[in-house]
Amino acid sequence: GEEAAAAAAQAEAEAQAALAQVKSEAAQAEAGLAAEAEAEAAASRGAAEKLSKAAAKGSDAKSKALESARKEEKKAADKAAKLRAELLAGEEALAAATADTATAEVEARVAGDEATAQAAALQARDAKLQTAAALAADKAAAAAAAEAEATEKRLFFFPPGGGEEKP
């Protein structure tokens, strides 16, 4: 009976040891699973953080790009407005210059007409003066001829130192 009791005790001790080993393995497996789960969760959290950082960066880049695009658009609009203003100013200057030119042309034409009229008046006056001079010359010549004729007659009728009249 003692042997049987010893064998039973040994079997029980072995069973206890096996049970303890199984429990220990289970605990280890559980701990391993928990660690794995923790690692996975951490990795997942890290990925989520990376993702949110990337998203933030992306949205930052997007807003920067938008702002830059808005600035460029404003610059372009300002440039266009400036060019429009310069063009308008140029057109106004051209219109003014054209008007000035037209005025100058009219003034030149009027001045030219006046000069032509004055020249014509001077020519007419010159012609009158020439005619008057010619008439005066004719009269002077006629007077000289008349005077010469009278002198001739006087000499004929009253010769110098003659005294007697000729029949």
N, C-alpha and C. Protein backbone atom coordinates (compact mmCIF):
# COMPACT_ATOMS: atom_id res chain seq x y z
N GLY A 1 0.81 -1.20 0.00
CA GLY A 1 0.00 0.00 0.00
C GLY A 1 0.84 1.25 0.00
N GLU A 2 2.03 1.12 0.62
CA GLU A 2 2.90 2.31 0.70
C GLU A 2 3.37 2.70 -0.68
N GLU A 3 3.71 1.71 -1.50
CA GLU A 3 4.20 1.98 -2.85
C GLU A 3 3.12 2.68 -3.67
N ALA A 4 1.96 2.18 -3.53
CA ALA A 4 0.83 2.75 -4.27
C ALA A 4 0.62 4.20 -3.83
N ALA A 5 0.73 4.43 -2.51
CA ALA A 5 0.53 5.78 -1.99
C ALA A 5 1.63 6.69 -2.54
N ALA A 6 2.87 6.18 -2.55
CA ALA A 6 4.01 6.98 -3.06
C ALA A 6 3.80 7.27 -4.54
N ALA A 7 3.38 6.27 -5.28
CA ALA A 7 3.14 6.46 -6.72
C ALA A 7 2.04 7.49 -6.92
N ALA A 8 1.04 7.45 -6.11
CA ALA A 8 -0.08 8.39 -6.23
C ALA A 8 0.42 9.79 -5.92
N ALA A 9 1.24 9.91 -4.87
CA ALA A 9 1.77 11.22 -4.50
C ALA A 9 2.64 11.77 -5.63
N GLN A 10 3.46 10.90 -6.20
CA GLN A 10 4.34 11.33 -7.30
C GLN A 10 3.51 11.78 -8.50
N ALA A 11 2.48 11.02 -8.78
CA ALA A 11 1.62 11.34 -9.93
C ALA A 11 0.96 12.69 -9.70
N GLU A 12 0.55 12.92 -8.47
CA GLU A 12 -0.12 14.19 -8.14
C GLU A 12 0.88 15.35 -8.30
N ALA A 13 2.13 15.08 -7.78
CA ALA A 13 3.17 16.13 -7.87
C ALA A 13 3.45 16.44 -9.35
N GLU A 14 3.52 15.40 -10.18
CA GLU A 14 3.77 15.59 -11.61
C GLU A 14 2.62 16.37 -12.26
N ALA A 15 1.44 15.99 -11.84
CA ALA A 15 0.25 16.68 -12.39
C ALA A 15 0.29 18.15 -12.00
N GLN A 16 0.65 18.42 -10.74
CA GLN A 16 0.75 19.81 -10.26
C GLN A 16 1.80 20.58 -11.09
N ALA A 17 2.96 19.92 -11.25
CA ALA A 17 4.05 20.55 -12.01
C ALA A 17 3.59 20.85 -13.45
N ALA A 18 2.94 19.86 -14.05
CA ALA A 18 2.44 20.05 -15.44
C ALA A 18 1.45 21.20 -15.48
N LEU A 19 0.56 21.25 -14.49
CA LEU A 19 -0.47 22.30 -14.42
C LEU A 19 0.23 23.66 -14.28
N ALA A 20 1.25 23.71 -13.40
CA ALA A 20 1.99 24.97 -13.19
C ALA A 20 2.66 25.40 -14.49
N GLN A 21 3.23 24.42 -15.20
CA GLN A 21 3.91 24.73 -16.47
C GLN A 21 2.92 25.29 -17.49
N VAL A 22 1.76 24.61 -17.57
CA VAL A 22 0.71 25.04 -18.50
C VAL A 22 0.29 26.45 -18.15
N LYS A 23 0.08 26.70 -16.84
CA LYS A 23 -0.33 28.04 -16.38
C LYS A 23 0.73 29.08 -16.76
N SER A 24 1.99 28.68 -16.52
CA SER A 24 3.10 29.60 -16.80
C SER A 24 3.16 29.89 -18.30
N GLU A 25 3.03 28.82 -19.10
CA GLU A 25 3.04 29.02 -20.56
C GLU A 25 1.88 29.90 -20.99
N ALA A 26 0.74 29.67 -20.40
CA ALA A 26 -0.45 30.46 -20.74
C ALA A 26 -0.21 31.92 -20.38
N ALA A 27 0.39 32.11 -19.19
CA ALA A 27 0.66 33.48 -18.74
C ALA A 27 1.65 34.14 -19.69
N GLN A 28 2.67 33.35 -20.07
CA GLN A 28 3.68 33.89 -21.01
C GLN A 28 3.03 34.25 -22.34
N ALA A 29 2.19 33.33 -22.83
CA ALA A 29 1.51 33.56 -24.11
C ALA A 29 0.64 34.81 -24.01
N GLU A 30 -0.05 34.89 -22.88
CA GLU A 30 -0.93 36.04 -22.67
C GLU A 30 -0.11 37.34 -22.64
N ALA A 31 1.00 37.27 -21.89
CA ALA A 31 1.88 38.45 -21.80
C ALA A 31 2.41 38.80 -23.19
N GLY A 32 2.78 37.75 -23.92
CA GLY A 32 3.28 37.97 -25.28
C GLY A 32 2.23 38.63 -26.15
N LEU A 33 1.02 38.08 -26.06
CA LEU A 33 -0.10 38.63 -26.85
C LEU A 33 -0.34 40.08 -26.46
N ALA A 34 -0.32 40.33 -25.14
CA ALA A 34 -0.57 41.70 -24.64
C ALA A 34 0.51 42.63 -25.18
N ALA A 35 1.77 42.18 -25.11
CA ALA A 35 2.88 43.02 -25.60
C ALA A 35 2.72 43.28 -27.10
N GLU A 36 2.37 42.21 -27.82
CA GLU A 36 2.18 42.34 -29.27
C GLU A 36 1.06 43.34 -29.57
N ALA A 37 -0.04 43.16 -28.79
CA ALA A 37 -1.19 44.06 -28.98
C ALA A 37 -0.77 45.49 -28.69
N GLU A 38 0.01 45.64 -27.61
CA GLU A 38 0.49 46.99 -27.22
C GLU A 38 1.37 47.57 -28.33
N ALA A 39 2.25 46.72 -28.85
CA ALA A 39 3.15 47.17 -29.92
C ALA A 39 2.34 47.58 -31.15
N GLU A 40 1.35 46.74 -31.46
CA GLU A 40 0.49 47.06 -32.62
C GLU A 40 -0.24 48.37 -32.40
N ALA A 41 -0.78 48.52 -31.18
CA ALA A 41 -1.51 49.76 -30.86
C ALA A 41 -0.57 50.96 -30.98
N ALA A 42 0.67 50.78 -30.46
CA ALA A 42 1.64 51.88 -30.53
C ALA A 42 1.94 52.21 -31.99
N ALA A 43 2.16 51.16 -32.78
CA ALA A 43 2.46 51.36 -34.21
C ALA A 43 1.29 52.07 -34.88
N SER A 44 0.10 51.61 -34.53
CA SER A 44 -1.10 52.20 -35.11
C SER A 44 -1.22 53.67 -34.69
N ARG A 45 -0.90 53.93 -33.37
CA ARG A 45 -0.93 55.32 -32.90
C ARG A 45 0.11 56.16 -33.65
N GLY A 46 1.31 55.59 -33.81
CA GLY A 46 2.39 56.28 -34.53
C GLY A 46 1.98 56.61 -35.96
N ALA A 47 1.37 55.61 -36.60
CA ALA A 47 0.93 55.81 -37.99
C ALA A 47 -0.13 56.91 -38.04
N ALA A 48 -1.05 56.87 -37.06
CA ALA A 48 -2.10 57.89 -37.02
C ALA A 48 -1.49 59.27 -36.82
N GLU A 49 -0.49 59.34 -35.91
CA GLU A 49 0.18 60.63 -35.68
C GLU A 49 0.86 61.11 -36.95
N LYS A 50 1.60 60.18 -37.58
CA LYS A 50 2.30 60.53 -38.83
C LYS A 50 1.30 61.05 -39.86
N LEU A 51 0.20 60.29 -39.94
CA LEU A 51 -0.84 60.65 -40.91
C LEU A 51 -1.39 62.03 -40.62
N SER A 52 -1.69 62.31 -39.34
CA SER A 52 -2.27 63.62 -39.00
C SER A 52 -1.24 64.72 -39.23
N LYS A 53 0.04 64.42 -38.93
CA LYS A 53 1.11 65.41 -39.19
C LYS A 53 1.18 65.70 -40.69
N ALA A 54 1.17 64.61 -41.46
CA ALA A 54 1.25 64.77 -42.92
C ALA A 54 0.05 65.57 -43.42
N ALA A 55 -1.12 65.26 -42.85
CA ALA A 55 -2.33 65.98 -43.26
C ALA A 55 -2.20 67.46 -42.92
N ALA A 56 -1.67 67.72 -41.69
CA ALA A 56 -1.48 69.11 -41.26
C ALA A 56 -0.50 69.81 -42.20
N LYS A 57 0.62 69.10 -42.49
CA LYS A 57 1.61 69.66 -43.41
C LYS A 57 0.97 69.94 -44.76
N GLY A 58 0.20 68.95 -45.21
CA GLY A 58 -0.48 69.09 -46.51
C GLY A 58 -1.39 70.29 -46.51
N SER A 59 -2.18 70.43 -45.44
CA SER A 59 -3.14 71.54 -45.41
C SER A 59 -2.39 72.86 -45.30
N ASP A 60 -1.25 72.84 -44.55
CA ASP A 60 -0.41 74.04 -44.44
C ASP A 60 0.13 74.41 -45.82
N ALA A 61 0.67 73.40 -46.50
CA ALA A 61 1.21 73.62 -47.84
C ALA A 61 0.12 74.14 -48.77
N LYS A 62 -1.06 73.54 -48.62
CA LYS A 62 -2.20 73.93 -49.47
C LYS A 62 -2.56 75.40 -49.20
N SER A 63 -2.63 75.76 -47.90
CA SER A 63 -3.01 77.14 -47.57
C SER A 63 -1.91 78.10 -48.03
N LYS A 64 -0.63 77.67 -47.88
CA LYS A 64 0.48 78.50 -48.36
C LYS A 64 0.38 78.68 -49.87
N ALA A 65 0.12 77.59 -50.56
CA ALA A 65 0.00 77.65 -52.03
C ALA A 65 -1.15 78.57 -52.42
N LEU A 66 -2.27 78.46 -51.69
CA LEU A 66 -3.43 79.32 -51.98
C LEU A 66 -3.07 80.78 -51.76
N GLU A 67 -2.40 81.03 -50.62
CA GLU A 67 -2.01 82.41 -50.30
C GLU A 67 -1.08 82.95 -51.38
N SER A 68 -0.10 82.11 -51.76
CA SER A 68 0.86 82.51 -52.79
C SER A 68 0.12 82.80 -54.10
N ALA A 69 -0.81 81.91 -54.43
CA ALA A 69 -1.58 82.09 -55.67
C ALA A 69 -2.38 83.38 -55.61
N ARG A 70 -2.99 83.64 -54.42
CA ARG A 70 -3.75 84.90 -54.25
C ARG A 70 -2.85 86.11 -54.43
N LYS A 71 -1.63 86.03 -53.83
CA LYS A 71 -0.67 87.14 -53.95
C LYS A 71 -0.32 87.37 -55.42
N GLU A 72 -0.01 86.26 -56.12
CA GLU A 72 0.35 86.36 -57.53
C GLU A 72 -0.79 86.97 -58.34
N GLU A 73 -2.00 86.52 -58.01
CA GLU A 73 -3.19 87.01 -58.72
C GLU A 73 -3.34 88.51 -58.50
N LYS A 74 -3.14 88.93 -57.22
CA LYS A 74 -3.25 90.35 -56.89
C LYS A 74 -2.18 91.14 -57.64
N LYS A 75 -0.93 90.57 -57.65
CA LYS A 75 0.17 91.22 -58.35
C LYS A 75 -0.20 91.40 -59.82
N ALA A 76 -0.70 90.31 -60.41
CA ALA A 76 -1.07 90.35 -61.83
C ALA A 76 -2.17 91.38 -62.06
N ALA A 77 -3.16 91.41 -61.14
CA ALA A 77 -4.27 92.36 -61.28
C ALA A 77 -3.75 93.79 -61.17
N ASP A 78 -2.85 94.01 -60.19
CA ASP A 78 -2.26 95.35 -60.01
C ASP A 78 -1.50 95.76 -61.27
N LYS A 79 -0.71 94.80 -61.79
CA LYS A 79 0.09 95.07 -62.99
C LYS A 79 -0.85 95.43 -64.15
N ALA A 80 -1.91 94.64 -64.28
CA ALA A 80 -2.87 94.87 -65.37
C ALA A 80 -3.50 96.26 -65.21
N ALA A 81 -3.86 96.61 -63.96
CA ALA A 81 -4.48 97.92 -63.70
C ALA A 81 -3.50 99.03 -64.06
N LYS A 82 -2.23 98.82 -63.66
CA LYS A 82 -1.19 99.83 -63.94
C LYS A 82 -1.04 99.99 -65.46
N LEU A 83 -0.97 98.84 -66.15
CA LEU A 83 -0.82 98.87 -67.61
C LEU A 83 -2.02 99.58 -68.25
N ARG A 84 -3.23 99.25 -67.72
CA ARG A 84 -4.44 99.90 -68.25
C ARG A 84 -4.35 101.41 -68.06
N ALA A 85 -3.91 101.82 -66.85
CA ALA A 85 -3.79 103.26 -66.55
C ALA A 85 -2.77 103.90 -67.50
N GLU A 86 -1.62 103.21 -67.68
CA GLU A 86 -0.59 103.75 -68.58
C GLU A 86 -1.12 103.85 -70.01
N LEU A 87 -1.84 102.82 -70.42
CA LEU A 87 -2.41 102.81 -71.77
C LEU A 87 -3.38 103.97 -71.95
N LEU A 88 -4.23 104.15 -70.91
CA LEU A 88 -5.22 105.24 -70.94
C LEU A 88 -4.51 106.59 -71.02
N ALA A 89 -3.47 106.74 -70.17
CA ALA A 89 -2.70 107.98 -70.16
C ALA A 89 -2.07 108.21 -71.53
N GLY A 90 -1.53 107.13 -72.10
CA GLY A 90 -0.94 107.22 -73.44
C GLY A 90 -1.96 107.65 -74.48
N GLU A 91 -3.15 107.04 -74.39
CA GLU A 91 -4.22 107.38 -75.34
C GLU A 91 -4.61 108.84 -75.19
N GLU A 92 -4.72 109.30 -73.89
CA GLU A 92 -5.09 110.70 -73.64
C GLU A 92 -4.02 111.62 -74.20
N ALA A 93 -2.74 111.26 -73.95
CA ALA A 93 -1.63 112.08 -74.45
C ALA A 93 -1.67 112.15 -75.97
N LEU A 94 -1.95 110.98 -76.59
CA LEU A 94 -2.02 110.92 -78.05
C LEU A 94 -3.16 111.81 -78.56
N ALA A 95 -4.32 111.70 -77.89
CA ALA A 95 -5.47 112.52 -78.27
C ALA A 95 -5.14 114.00 -78.14
N ALA A 96 -4.49 114.35 -77.00
CA ALA A 96 -4.11 115.75 -76.77
C ALA A 96 -3.14 116.22 -77.85
N ALA A 97 -2.14 115.36 -78.13
CA ALA A 97 -1.14 115.71 -79.15
C ALA A 97 -1.81 115.88 -80.52
N THR A 98 -2.76 114.97 -80.82
CA THR A 98 -3.48 115.04 -82.09
C THR A 98 -4.26 116.36 -82.17
N ALA A 99 -4.95 116.68 -81.04
CA ALA A 99 -5.72 117.94 -80.99
C ALA A 99 -4.78 119.13 -81.16
N ASP A 100 -3.64 119.10 -80.44
CA ASP A 100 -2.65 120.18 -80.55
C ASP A 100 -2.17 120.32 -81.99
N THR A 101 -1.88 119.18 -82.61
CA THR A 101 -1.41 119.18 -83.99
C THR A 101 -2.46 119.81 -84.91
N ALA A 102 -3.71 119.37 -84.69
CA ALA A 102 -4.80 119.91 -85.52
C ALA A 102 -4.90 121.43 -85.33
N THR A 103 -4.84 121.86 -84.06
CA THR A 103 -4.90 123.30 -83.75
C THR A 103 -3.74 124.02 -84.43
N ALA A 104 -2.54 123.44 -84.28
CA ALA A 104 -1.35 124.04 -84.88
C ALA A 104 -1.51 124.14 -86.40
N GLU A 105 -2.08 123.07 -86.99
CA GLU A 105 -2.30 123.08 -88.45
C GLU A 105 -3.23 124.22 -88.84
N VAL A 106 -4.34 124.33 -88.07
CA VAL A 106 -5.32 125.39 -88.36
C VAL A 106 -4.65 126.75 -88.22
N GLU A 107 -3.90 126.91 -87.09
CA GLU A 107 -3.22 128.19 -86.85
C GLU A 107 -2.23 128.49 -87.97
N ALA A 108 -1.49 127.45 -88.37
CA ALA A 108 -0.51 127.62 -89.45
C ALA A 108 -1.22 128.02 -90.75
N ARG A 109 -2.36 127.35 -90.99
CA ARG A 109 -3.11 127.65 -92.22
C ARG A 109 -3.59 129.11 -92.19
N VAL A 110 -4.14 129.52 -91.01
CA VAL A 110 -4.63 130.90 -90.86
C VAL A 110 -3.48 131.87 -91.06
N ALA A 111 -2.35 131.56 -90.36
CA ALA A 111 -1.18 132.43 -90.48
C ALA A 111 -0.71 132.49 -91.93
N GLY A 112 -0.69 131.32 -92.57
CA GLY A 112 -0.29 131.25 -93.98
C GLY A 112 -1.22 132.08 -94.85
N ASP A 113 -2.53 131.94 -94.60
CA ASP A 113 -3.52 132.71 -95.37
C ASP A 113 -3.29 134.21 -95.16
N GLU A 114 -3.04 134.59 -93.87
CA GLU A 114 -2.80 136.00 -93.56
C GLU A 114 -1.55 136.50 -94.29
N ALA A 115 -0.48 135.65 -94.22
CA ALA A 115 0.77 136.03 -94.87
C ALA A 115 0.56 136.19 -96.38
N THR A 116 -0.20 135.23 -96.94
CA THR A 116 -0.48 135.29 -98.39
C THR A 116 -1.26 136.57 -98.71
N ALA A 117 -2.27 136.85 -97.86
CA ALA A 117 -3.08 138.06 -98.07
C ALA A 117 -2.20 139.31 -97.97
N GLN A 118 -1.30 139.32 -96.94
CA GLN A 118 -0.40 140.47 -96.78
C GLN A 118 0.51 140.61 -98.00
N ALA A 119 1.04 139.47 -98.45
CA ALA A 119 1.94 139.50 -99.62
C ALA A 119 1.19 140.03 -100.83
N ALA A 120 -0.06 139.56 -100.99
CA ALA A 120 -0.87 140.02 -102.12
C ALA A 120 -1.10 141.53 -102.01
N ALA A 121 -1.41 141.99 -100.78
CA ALA A 121 -1.64 143.42 -100.56
C ALA A 121 -0.38 144.22 -100.90
N LEU A 122 0.80 143.68 -100.43
CA LEU A 122 2.06 144.35 -100.72
C LEU A 122 2.32 144.40 -102.21
N GLN A 123 2.03 143.26 -102.89
CA GLN A 123 2.24 143.22 -104.35
C GLN A 123 1.35 144.26 -105.02
N ALA A 124 0.09 144.32 -104.56
CA ALA A 124 -0.86 145.28 -105.15
C ALA A 124 -0.33 146.70 -104.92
N ARG A 125 0.14 146.95 -103.66
CA ARG A 125 0.66 148.28 -103.35
C ARG A 125 1.87 148.61 -104.22
N ASP A 126 2.76 147.60 -104.36
CA ASP A 126 3.94 147.78 -105.21
C ASP A 126 3.51 148.12 -106.64
N ALA A 127 2.53 147.36 -107.11
CA ALA A 127 2.05 147.59 -108.49
C ALA A 127 1.50 149.01 -108.61
N LYS A 128 0.73 149.47 -107.59
CA LYS A 128 0.16 150.84 -107.61
C LYS A 128 1.29 151.85 -107.62
N LEU A 129 2.31 151.57 -106.73
CA LEU A 129 3.44 152.49 -106.63
C LEU A 129 4.19 152.55 -107.96
N GLN A 130 4.39 151.35 -108.55
CA GLN A 130 5.10 151.30 -109.85
C GLN A 130 4.31 152.09 -110.90
N THR A 131 3.00 151.86 -110.89
CA THR A 131 2.14 152.57 -111.87
C THR A 131 2.25 154.07 -111.63
N ALA A 132 2.15 154.47 -110.33
CA ALA A 132 2.23 155.89 -109.99
C ALA A 132 3.58 156.45 -110.43
N ALA A 133 4.64 155.68 -110.17
CA ALA A 133 5.98 156.13 -110.55
C ALA A 133 6.08 156.28 -112.06
N ALA A 134 5.51 155.30 -112.76
CA ALA A 134 5.54 155.36 -114.22
C ALA A 134 4.78 156.59 -114.72
N LEU A 135 3.61 156.81 -114.10
CA LEU A 135 2.80 157.99 -114.48
C LEU A 135 3.58 159.27 -114.19
N ALA A 136 4.20 159.30 -113.00
CA ALA A 136 4.98 160.48 -112.61
C ALA A 136 6.12 160.70 -113.61
N ALA A 137 6.78 159.59 -113.98
CA ALA A 137 7.87 159.68 -114.94
C ALA A 137 7.36 160.21 -116.29
N ASP A 138 6.19 159.66 -116.68
CA ASP A 138 5.58 160.12 -117.94
C ASP A 138 5.29 161.61 -117.86
N LYS A 139 4.69 162.02 -116.72
CA LYS A 139 4.34 163.45 -116.55
C LYS A 139 5.61 164.29 -116.57
N ALA A 140 6.64 163.81 -115.87
CA ALA A 140 7.91 164.56 -115.81
C ALA A 140 8.49 164.68 -117.22
N ALA A 141 8.44 163.56 -117.96
CA ALA A 141 8.97 163.58 -119.34
C ALA A 141 8.16 164.55 -120.19
N ALA A 142 6.84 164.49 -120.01
CA ALA A 142 5.97 165.38 -120.79
C ALA A 142 6.28 166.85 -120.43
N ALA A 143 6.44 167.08 -119.10
CA ALA A 143 6.73 168.45 -118.65
C ALA A 143 8.06 168.90 -119.21
N ALA A 144 9.06 168.01 -119.18
CA ALA A 144 10.39 168.35 -119.71
C ALA A 144 10.29 168.65 -121.21
N ALA A 145 9.51 167.81 -121.91
CA ALA A 145 9.35 168.02 -123.36
C ALA A 145 8.68 169.36 -123.62
N ALA A 146 7.65 169.64 -122.83
CA ALA A 146 6.91 170.89 -123.00
C ALA A 146 7.84 172.07 -122.72
N GLU A 147 8.64 171.92 -121.65
CA GLU A 147 9.56 172.99 -121.27
C GLU A 147 10.60 173.20 -122.38
N ALA A 148 11.11 172.10 -122.93
CA ALA A 148 12.11 172.18 -123.99
C ALA A 148 11.50 172.86 -125.22
N GLU A 149 10.26 172.50 -125.50
CA GLU A 149 9.57 173.10 -126.65
C GLU A 149 9.39 174.61 -126.44
N ALA A 150 9.01 174.95 -125.22
CA ALA A 150 8.80 176.37 -124.91
C ALA A 150 10.12 177.12 -125.01
N THR A 151 11.17 176.53 -124.50
CA THR A 151 12.50 177.15 -124.55
C THR A 151 12.89 177.35 -126.01
N GLU A 152 12.63 176.31 -126.83
CA GLU A 152 12.97 176.37 -128.26
C GLU A 152 12.22 177.54 -128.93
N LYS A 153 10.93 177.63 -128.62
CA LYS A 153 10.11 178.69 -129.20
C LYS A 153 10.62 180.05 -128.76
N ARG A 154 10.94 180.13 -127.45
CA ARG A 154 11.41 181.40 -126.90
C ARG A 154 12.71 181.79 -127.62
N LEU A 155 13.58 180.83 -127.76
CA LEU A 155 14.85 181.10 -128.42
C LEU A 155 14.62 181.52 -129.88
N PHE A 156 13.60 180.88 -130.48
CA PHE A 156 13.31 181.19 -131.89
C PHE A 156 12.81 182.63 -132.01
N PHE A 157 11.88 182.95 -131.09
CA PHE A 157 11.32 184.29 -131.18
C PHE A 157 12.24 185.33 -130.56
N PHE A 158 12.93 184.97 -129.52
CA PHE A 158 13.83 185.93 -128.88
C PHE A 158 15.23 185.35 -128.81
N PRO A 159 15.97 185.41 -129.94
CA PRO A 159 17.34 184.86 -129.88
C PRO A 159 18.19 185.72 -128.98
N PRO A 160 19.14 185.15 -128.29
CA PRO A 160 19.95 185.91 -127.36
C PRO A 160 20.81 186.95 -128.13
N GLY A 161 20.81 188.11 -127.62
CA GLY A 161 21.60 189.19 -128.22
C GLY A 161 21.09 189.60 -129.60
N GLY A 162 19.92 189.13 -129.99
CA GLY A 162 19.39 189.44 -131.32
C GLY A 162 18.81 190.83 -131.37
N GLY A 163 17.87 191.12 -130.62
CA GLY A 163 17.26 192.43 -130.59
C GLY A 163 16.11 192.53 -131.59
N GLU A 164 16.34 192.18 -132.91
CA GLU A 164 15.25 192.36 -133.86
C GLU A 164 14.45 191.08 -133.96
N GLU A 165 13.16 191.27 -134.30
CA GLU A 165 12.30 190.09 -134.46
C GLU A 165 12.33 189.69 -135.90
N LYS A 166 12.27 188.37 -136.07
CA LYS A 166 12.25 187.88 -137.45
C LYS A 166 10.81 187.84 -137.90
N PRO A 167 10.66 188.09 -139.21
CA PRO A 167 9.30 188.06 -139.75
C PRO A 167 8.69 186.68 -139.76
